[in-house]
Amino acid sequence: MQIDKEIDTRGLNCPLPILKAKKALAEMDSGQTLKVVATDAGSVRDFQAFAKQTGNELVDQQTVGAEYIHVMRRR
């Protein structure tokens, strides 16, 4: 999978990972993908809700150790 942009939100708690993702997506073109690395366990459901609310596609979510990886595609 091609990742166009990646942001590191490790150590940040809700709602900061979502806010940083929203800002990054706003700077991207339609169809581009954003990878967000977070350590906040709540980010899993936050990104699911964010995708539904904004129309951006949540392509993938993974838990790797203590990190949560979210991949979104810009609408």
N, C-alpha and C. Protein backbone atom coordinates (compact mmCIF):
# COMPACT_ATOMS: atom_id res chain seq x y z
N MET A 1 0.84 -1.19 0.00
CA MET A 1 0.00 0.00 0.00
C MET A 1 0.88 1.25 0.00
N GLN A 2 0.55 2.16 -0.87
CA GLN A 2 1.33 3.41 -0.93
C GLN A 2 0.82 4.38 0.12
N ILE A 3 1.76 4.92 0.90
CA ILE A 3 1.43 5.93 1.90
C ILE A 3 1.98 7.26 1.39
N ASP A 4 1.09 8.24 1.27
CA ASP A 4 1.51 9.55 0.76
C ASP A 4 2.05 10.46 1.86
N LYS A 5 1.54 10.29 3.07
CA LYS A 5 1.98 11.13 4.18
C LYS A 5 1.85 10.33 5.46
N GLU A 6 2.77 10.56 6.39
CA GLU A 6 2.71 9.87 7.69
C GLU A 6 2.88 10.89 8.80
N ILE A 7 2.06 10.75 9.84
CA ILE A 7 2.22 11.62 11.01
C ILE A 7 2.37 10.77 12.26
N ASP A 8 3.16 11.27 13.18
CA ASP A 8 3.45 10.58 14.43
C ASP A 8 2.72 11.30 15.56
N THR A 9 1.74 10.62 16.15
CA THR A 9 1.01 11.23 17.26
C THR A 9 1.24 10.45 18.55
N ARG A 10 2.35 9.72 18.60
CA ARG A 10 2.66 8.96 19.82
C ARG A 10 2.78 9.90 21.01
N GLY A 11 2.19 9.48 22.12
CA GLY A 11 2.24 10.28 23.35
C GLY A 11 1.13 11.31 23.46
N LEU A 12 0.35 11.48 22.39
CA LEU A 12 -0.75 12.44 22.41
C LEU A 12 -2.06 11.71 22.70
N ASN A 13 -2.91 12.33 23.49
CA ASN A 13 -4.20 11.74 23.81
C ASN A 13 -5.32 12.45 23.07
N CYS A 14 -6.46 11.81 23.04
CA CYS A 14 -7.66 12.34 22.40
C CYS A 14 -7.89 13.78 22.88
N PRO A 15 -8.23 14.68 21.99
CA PRO A 15 -8.54 14.54 20.57
C PRO A 15 -7.37 14.89 19.66
N LEU A 16 -6.17 15.03 20.19
CA LEU A 16 -5.04 15.51 19.38
C LEU A 16 -4.70 14.64 18.16
N PRO A 17 -4.69 13.29 18.26
CA PRO A 17 -4.40 12.51 17.04
C PRO A 17 -5.40 12.79 15.92
N ILE A 18 -6.68 12.94 16.27
CA ILE A 18 -7.71 13.24 15.26
C ILE A 18 -7.50 14.63 14.68
N LEU A 19 -7.21 15.60 15.53
CA LEU A 19 -7.01 16.97 15.05
C LEU A 19 -5.82 17.05 14.10
N LYS A 20 -4.74 16.36 14.44
CA LYS A 20 -3.56 16.36 13.57
C LYS A 20 -3.85 15.65 12.25
N ALA A 21 -4.63 14.57 12.32
CA ALA A 21 -5.02 13.86 11.10
C ALA A 21 -5.91 14.74 10.22
N LYS A 22 -6.84 15.43 10.85
CA LYS A 22 -7.74 16.32 10.10
C LYS A 22 -6.95 17.40 9.37
N LYS A 23 -5.98 17.99 10.05
CA LYS A 23 -5.13 19.03 9.45
C LYS A 23 -4.32 18.46 8.28
N ALA A 24 -3.75 17.27 8.50
CA ALA A 24 -2.94 16.64 7.44
C ALA A 24 -3.79 16.30 6.23
N LEU A 25 -4.99 15.76 6.45
CA LEU A 25 -5.88 15.40 5.34
C LEU A 25 -6.29 16.63 4.54
N ALA A 26 -6.48 17.75 5.22
CA ALA A 26 -6.88 18.99 4.55
C ALA A 26 -5.81 19.47 3.57
N GLU A 27 -4.56 19.09 3.82
CA GLU A 27 -3.45 19.51 2.96
C GLU A 27 -3.18 18.51 1.83
N MET A 28 -3.95 17.43 1.79
CA MET A 28 -3.71 16.37 0.82
C MET A 28 -4.73 16.41 -0.32
N ASP A 29 -4.41 15.73 -1.42
CA ASP A 29 -5.31 15.64 -2.56
C ASP A 29 -6.23 14.44 -2.39
N SER A 30 -7.36 14.50 -3.06
CA SER A 30 -8.33 13.40 -3.02
C SER A 30 -7.66 12.10 -3.48
N GLY A 31 -7.90 11.01 -2.72
CA GLY A 31 -7.34 9.71 -3.07
C GLY A 31 -6.01 9.40 -2.43
N GLN A 32 -5.35 10.41 -1.87
CA GLN A 32 -4.07 10.17 -1.21
C GLN A 32 -4.30 9.51 0.14
N THR A 33 -3.26 8.80 0.62
CA THR A 33 -3.39 8.08 1.89
C THR A 33 -2.52 8.68 2.97
N LEU A 34 -3.06 8.64 4.18
CA LEU A 34 -2.39 9.18 5.37
C LEU A 34 -2.25 8.06 6.39
N LYS A 35 -1.04 7.90 6.91
CA LYS A 35 -0.78 6.92 7.98
C LYS A 35 -0.58 7.69 9.27
N VAL A 36 -1.30 7.28 10.31
CA VAL A 36 -1.20 7.92 11.62
C VAL A 36 -0.75 6.87 12.62
N VAL A 37 0.35 7.15 13.33
CA VAL A 37 0.83 6.25 14.38
C VAL A 37 0.49 6.89 15.72
N ALA A 38 -0.26 6.16 16.55
CA ALA A 38 -0.73 6.69 17.83
C ALA A 38 -0.46 5.69 18.95
N THR A 39 -0.46 6.19 20.18
CA THR A 39 -0.33 5.31 21.35
C THR A 39 -1.59 5.36 22.22
N ASP A 40 -2.54 6.17 21.85
CA ASP A 40 -3.80 6.30 22.60
C ASP A 40 -4.75 5.19 22.17
N ALA A 41 -5.09 4.29 23.10
CA ALA A 41 -5.98 3.16 22.79
C ALA A 41 -7.34 3.63 22.28
N GLY A 42 -7.78 4.77 22.75
CA GLY A 42 -9.06 5.32 22.31
C GLY A 42 -9.06 5.76 20.86
N SER A 43 -7.88 5.87 20.27
CA SER A 43 -7.80 6.33 18.88
C SER A 43 -8.43 5.33 17.92
N VAL A 44 -8.52 4.07 18.30
CA VAL A 44 -9.12 3.06 17.41
C VAL A 44 -10.57 3.44 17.12
N ARG A 45 -11.37 3.65 18.15
CA ARG A 45 -12.77 4.02 17.91
C ARG A 45 -12.89 5.47 17.43
N ASP A 46 -11.97 6.33 17.86
CA ASP A 46 -12.01 7.73 17.40
C ASP A 46 -11.86 7.82 15.89
N PHE A 47 -10.91 7.06 15.33
CA PHE A 47 -10.69 7.11 13.88
C PHE A 47 -11.85 6.48 13.11
N GLN A 48 -12.49 5.47 13.69
CA GLN A 48 -13.67 4.88 13.05
C GLN A 48 -14.79 5.91 12.96
N ALA A 49 -15.03 6.62 14.06
CA ALA A 49 -16.06 7.65 14.09
C ALA A 49 -15.70 8.82 13.17
N PHE A 50 -14.43 9.21 13.18
CA PHE A 50 -13.96 10.31 12.34
C PHE A 50 -14.19 10.00 10.86
N ALA A 51 -13.92 8.76 10.45
CA ALA A 51 -14.11 8.36 9.05
C ALA A 51 -15.59 8.47 8.67
N LYS A 52 -16.47 8.01 9.54
CA LYS A 52 -17.91 8.08 9.26
C LYS A 52 -18.38 9.52 9.16
N GLN A 53 -17.90 10.37 10.05
CA GLN A 53 -18.35 11.77 10.09
C GLN A 53 -17.84 12.58 8.90
N THR A 54 -16.63 12.28 8.43
CA THR A 54 -16.02 13.12 7.40
C THR A 54 -16.12 12.56 5.99
N GLY A 55 -16.41 11.27 5.85
CA GLY A 55 -16.46 10.67 4.53
C GLY A 55 -15.11 10.21 4.02
N ASN A 56 -14.06 10.41 4.81
CA ASN A 56 -12.75 9.87 4.45
C ASN A 56 -12.77 8.38 4.76
N GLU A 57 -12.09 7.58 3.92
CA GLU A 57 -12.12 6.14 4.09
C GLU A 57 -11.05 5.67 5.06
N LEU A 58 -11.46 4.86 6.03
CA LEU A 58 -10.51 4.21 6.94
C LEU A 58 -10.10 2.92 6.26
N VAL A 59 -8.91 2.92 5.66
CA VAL A 59 -8.44 1.80 4.85
C VAL A 59 -7.95 0.65 5.72
N ASP A 60 -7.27 0.97 6.82
CA ASP A 60 -6.67 -0.08 7.63
C ASP A 60 -6.45 0.42 9.06
N GLN A 61 -6.57 -0.50 10.01
CA GLN A 61 -6.21 -0.23 11.40
C GLN A 61 -5.46 -1.45 11.91
N GLN A 62 -4.35 -1.21 12.58
CA GLN A 62 -3.55 -2.29 13.15
C GLN A 62 -3.07 -1.90 14.53
N THR A 63 -2.90 -2.91 15.37
CA THR A 63 -2.26 -2.70 16.66
C THR A 63 -0.94 -3.44 16.62
N VAL A 64 0.15 -2.70 16.81
CA VAL A 64 1.49 -3.28 16.80
C VAL A 64 2.13 -2.94 18.13
N GLY A 65 2.16 -3.92 19.02
CA GLY A 65 2.68 -3.67 20.37
C GLY A 65 1.79 -2.65 21.06
N ALA A 66 2.38 -1.54 21.49
CA ALA A 66 1.63 -0.49 22.18
C ALA A 66 1.22 0.63 21.23
N GLU A 67 1.38 0.40 19.92
CA GLU A 67 1.06 1.44 18.94
C GLU A 67 -0.16 1.05 18.11
N TYR A 68 -0.90 2.06 17.74
CA TYR A 68 -2.10 1.88 16.91
C TYR A 68 -1.85 2.61 15.61
N ILE A 69 -1.98 1.88 14.52
CA ILE A 69 -1.70 2.44 13.21
C ILE A 69 -3.01 2.55 12.42
N HIS A 70 -3.27 3.74 11.94
CA HIS A 70 -4.49 4.02 11.18
C HIS A 70 -4.08 4.53 9.80
N VAL A 71 -4.72 4.00 8.77
CA VAL A 71 -4.47 4.46 7.41
C VAL A 71 -5.79 4.96 6.85
N MET A 72 -5.78 6.21 6.41
CA MET A 72 -6.98 6.83 5.87
C MET A 72 -6.73 7.29 4.44
N ARG A 73 -7.80 7.22 3.63
CA ARG A 73 -7.73 7.75 2.27
C ARG A 73 -8.59 9.00 2.20
N ARG A 74 -8.00 10.06 1.68
CA ARG A 74 -8.69 11.36 1.56
C ARG A 74 -9.83 11.23 0.57
N ARG A 75 -11.00 11.74 0.94
CA ARG A 75 -12.15 11.68 0.05
C ARG A 75 -12.01 12.66 -1.11
